[in-house]
Amino acid sequence: MGNGKPDLFITIIPASIGLFVRQKFPLFANKISKPSKYVMLVLLAMVFAIKMFAGESHGGAGLKWSDFLVITPVALIQNAGCLFFGYFFMKYMALPHASRITAAMESGVQNTTLAFLIANNLLGNQDMVKPALVYSLYSFWTACLFAYYANKSNGVRTTPVVMDEEE
């Protein structure tokens, strides 16, 4: 089991700083909100790149091409299953389309974070990180495609009004 220090530095301290800044300096927090999203995206991409491509001795998962080829079909099937189950279970529960899309996307994408947490911190097993890495390559994009086609099939507008030339 993990000792908790990575959790402290990766989640608790940055979240606490963010809450403090938003509470004490709301104008500044709003001003840096949009640029910080891009910085966070770059940092996340760097973490994924290190985990994906670096050797195990350098903090990577040691993912090989053969691992990638074996894991990919299973990851895609599981991702599709999560998306469809999330959507159609909420449809069965008679929730509106927007809630169904939200549930599908959350169940399809959130598994990545949970898998990293369990494999890294609880199990401390780099072999268990490999499926999470491969899954994460597809989860966001398949969720976006799923939402696009689900919206299209339900007659929901797929582009914001501000993107239209004239209306």
Protein backbone atom coordinates (compact mmCIF):
# COMPACT_ATOMS: atom_id res chain seq x y z
CA MET A 1 0.00 0.00 0.00
CA GLY A 2 1.05 3.56 -0.66
CA ASN A 3 2.26 5.76 2.15
CA GLY A 4 0.02 8.69 1.28
CA LYS A 5 2.76 11.24 0.50
CA PRO A 6 2.11 11.25 -3.28
CA ASP A 7 -1.59 11.90 -2.60
CA LEU A 8 -0.64 14.84 -0.41
CA PHE A 9 1.56 16.45 -3.05
CA ILE A 10 -0.54 15.59 -6.10
CA THR A 11 -4.03 16.36 -4.87
CA ILE A 12 -4.43 17.79 -1.39
CA ILE A 13 -1.84 20.59 -1.47
CA PRO A 14 -2.74 21.92 -4.97
CA ALA A 15 -6.45 21.73 -4.22
CA SER A 16 -5.94 23.57 -0.93
CA ILE A 17 -3.91 26.28 -2.65
CA GLY A 18 -6.62 26.64 -5.31
CA LEU A 19 -9.35 26.97 -2.69
CA PHE A 20 -7.30 29.52 -0.75
CA VAL A 21 -6.60 31.64 -3.84
CA ARG A 22 -10.25 31.51 -4.95
CA GLN A 23 -11.42 32.52 -1.45
CA LYS A 24 -8.92 35.34 -0.85
CA PHE A 25 -8.36 36.61 -4.40
CA PRO A 26 -11.49 35.86 -6.47
CA LEU A 27 -10.69 38.34 -9.28
CA PHE A 28 -7.21 36.90 -9.71
CA ALA A 29 -8.62 33.36 -9.59
CA ASN A 30 -11.12 34.16 -12.34
CA LYS A 31 -8.41 35.83 -14.42
CA ILE A 32 -6.09 32.80 -14.32
CA SER A 33 -8.86 30.22 -14.56
CA LYS A 34 -8.79 29.82 -18.34
CA PRO A 35 -4.97 29.84 -18.80
CA SER A 36 -4.54 27.44 -15.89
CA LYS A 37 -6.75 24.88 -17.66
CA TYR A 38 -4.25 24.77 -20.50
CA VAL A 39 -1.31 24.53 -18.11
CA MET A 40 -3.02 21.63 -16.33
CA LEU A 41 -3.66 19.92 -19.65
CA VAL A 42 0.04 20.19 -20.56
CA LEU A 43 1.08 18.89 -17.15
CA LEU A 44 -1.33 15.97 -17.46
CA ALA A 45 0.04 15.18 -20.93
CA MET A 46 3.56 15.21 -19.49
CA VAL A 47 2.60 12.77 -16.73
CA PHE A 48 0.95 10.45 -19.25
CA ALA A 49 3.98 10.68 -21.56
CA ILE A 50 6.34 9.78 -18.73
CA LYS A 51 4.16 6.89 -17.57
CA MET A 52 3.72 5.72 -21.17
CA PHE A 53 7.21 6.05 -22.62
CA ALA A 54 9.69 6.09 -19.75
CA GLY A 55 11.18 2.86 -18.50
CA GLU A 56 10.18 1.50 -15.12
CA SER A 57 13.43 2.76 -13.59
CA HIS A 58 12.46 6.32 -14.59
CA GLY A 59 8.88 6.29 -13.29
CA GLY A 60 7.23 4.80 -16.36
CA ALA A 61 5.03 1.73 -16.58
CA GLY A 62 7.33 -0.13 -18.98
CA LEU A 63 4.57 -0.43 -21.57
CA LYS A 64 5.70 -2.42 -24.60
CA TRP A 65 4.13 -2.50 -28.07
CA SER A 66 2.99 -6.09 -27.46
CA ASP A 67 1.26 -4.99 -24.23
CA PHE A 68 -0.43 -2.19 -26.14
CA LEU A 69 -1.73 -4.56 -28.83
CA VAL A 70 -3.11 -7.02 -26.28
CA ILE A 71 -4.73 -4.40 -24.05
CA THR A 72 -6.28 -2.15 -26.73
CA PRO A 73 -9.24 -4.34 -27.79
CA VAL A 74 -10.17 -5.09 -24.19
CA ALA A 75 -9.87 -1.42 -23.21
CA LEU A 76 -12.09 -0.33 -26.10
CA ILE A 77 -14.72 -2.97 -25.31
CA GLN A 78 -14.77 -1.99 -21.65
CA ASN A 79 -14.96 1.71 -22.52
CA ALA A 80 -17.83 1.15 -24.96
CA GLY A 81 -19.60 -0.99 -22.36
CA CYS A 82 -19.30 1.76 -19.73
CA LEU A 83 -20.57 4.42 -22.12
CA PHE A 84 -23.57 2.38 -23.29
CA PHE A 85 -24.43 1.09 -19.81
CA GLY A 86 -24.23 4.59 -18.32
CA TYR A 87 -26.47 6.02 -21.02
CA PHE A 88 -29.07 3.27 -21.25
CA PHE A 89 -29.34 2.71 -17.49
CA MET A 90 -30.19 6.39 -17.09
CA LYS A 91 -32.65 6.07 -19.96
CA TYR A 92 -34.25 3.14 -18.12
CA MET A 93 -34.44 5.39 -15.05
CA ALA A 94 -36.35 7.93 -17.24
CA LEU A 95 -33.80 10.71 -16.84
CA PRO A 96 -33.49 13.43 -19.50
CA HIS A 97 -31.02 13.13 -22.37
CA ALA A 98 -28.50 15.58 -20.85
CA SER A 99 -28.30 13.50 -17.66
CA ARG A 100 -27.87 10.31 -19.68
CA ILE A 101 -24.96 11.84 -21.62
CA THR A 102 -23.37 13.04 -18.38
CA ALA A 103 -23.65 9.61 -16.77
CA ALA A 104 -22.24 7.89 -19.85
CA MET A 105 -19.28 10.24 -20.10
CA GLU A 106 -18.55 10.09 -16.39
CA SER A 107 -18.63 6.29 -16.30
CA GLY A 108 -16.53 6.07 -19.45
CA VAL A 109 -13.84 8.54 -18.43
CA GLN A 110 -13.70 8.32 -14.62
CA ASN A 111 -12.52 4.72 -14.73
CA THR A 112 -9.11 5.98 -15.83
CA THR A 113 -8.56 7.97 -12.66
CA LEU A 114 -9.80 5.16 -10.46
CA ALA A 115 -7.53 2.64 -12.21
CA PHE A 116 -4.46 4.85 -11.72
CA LEU A 117 -5.30 5.38 -8.07
CA ILE A 118 -5.73 1.69 -7.37
CA ALA A 119 -2.76 0.47 -9.43
CA ASN A 120 -0.26 3.10 -8.28
CA ASN A 121 -1.21 3.94 -4.73
CA LEU A 122 -3.04 0.93 -3.36
CA LEU A 123 -1.36 -1.94 -5.22
CA GLY A 124 1.94 -0.29 -6.16
CA ASN A 125 1.99 -2.50 -9.27
CA GLN A 126 3.24 -1.01 -12.56
CA ASP A 127 1.83 -3.92 -14.57
CA MET A 128 -1.62 -2.90 -13.42
CA VAL A 129 -0.99 0.67 -14.61
CA LYS A 130 -0.57 -0.49 -18.22
CA PRO A 131 -4.28 -1.15 -18.89
CA ALA A 132 -5.16 2.21 -17.35
CA LEU A 133 -2.68 3.94 -19.65
CA VAL A 134 -4.05 2.29 -22.76
CA TYR A 135 -7.64 2.87 -21.63
CA SER A 136 -6.89 6.54 -21.03
CA LEU A 137 -5.67 6.97 -24.61
CA TYR A 138 -9.16 6.19 -25.86
CA SER A 139 -11.58 7.06 -23.08
CA PHE A 140 -11.88 10.80 -23.64
CA TRP A 141 -12.14 10.56 -27.43
CA THR A 142 -14.62 7.68 -27.43
CA ALA A 143 -16.74 9.55 -24.87
CA CYS A 144 -16.74 12.63 -27.12
CA LEU A 145 -17.73 10.55 -30.15
CA PHE A 146 -20.42 8.78 -28.14
CA ALA A 147 -21.87 12.09 -26.95
CA TYR A 148 -21.75 13.54 -30.47
CA TYR A 149 -23.66 10.61 -32.00
CA ALA A 150 -26.08 10.32 -29.08
CA ASN A 151 -26.87 14.03 -29.38
CA LYS A 152 -27.22 13.79 -33.13
CA SER A 153 -29.57 10.81 -32.89
CA ASN A 154 -31.70 12.70 -30.36
CA GLY A 155 -31.87 15.87 -32.44
CA VAL A 156 -29.72 17.85 -30.02
CA ARG A 157 -27.65 20.67 -31.47
CA THR A 158 -23.97 19.65 -31.59
CA THR A 159 -22.34 23.04 -32.21
CA PRO A 160 -22.74 26.10 -30.02
CA VAL A 161 -24.74 29.01 -31.41
CA VAL A 162 -21.69 31.31 -31.19
CA MET A 163 -19.97 29.18 -33.82
CA ASP A 164 -22.64 29.86 -36.43
CA GLU A 165 -21.95 32.54 -39.02
CA GLU A 166 -25.45 33.98 -38.97
CA GLU A 167 -28.53 33.21 -36.95
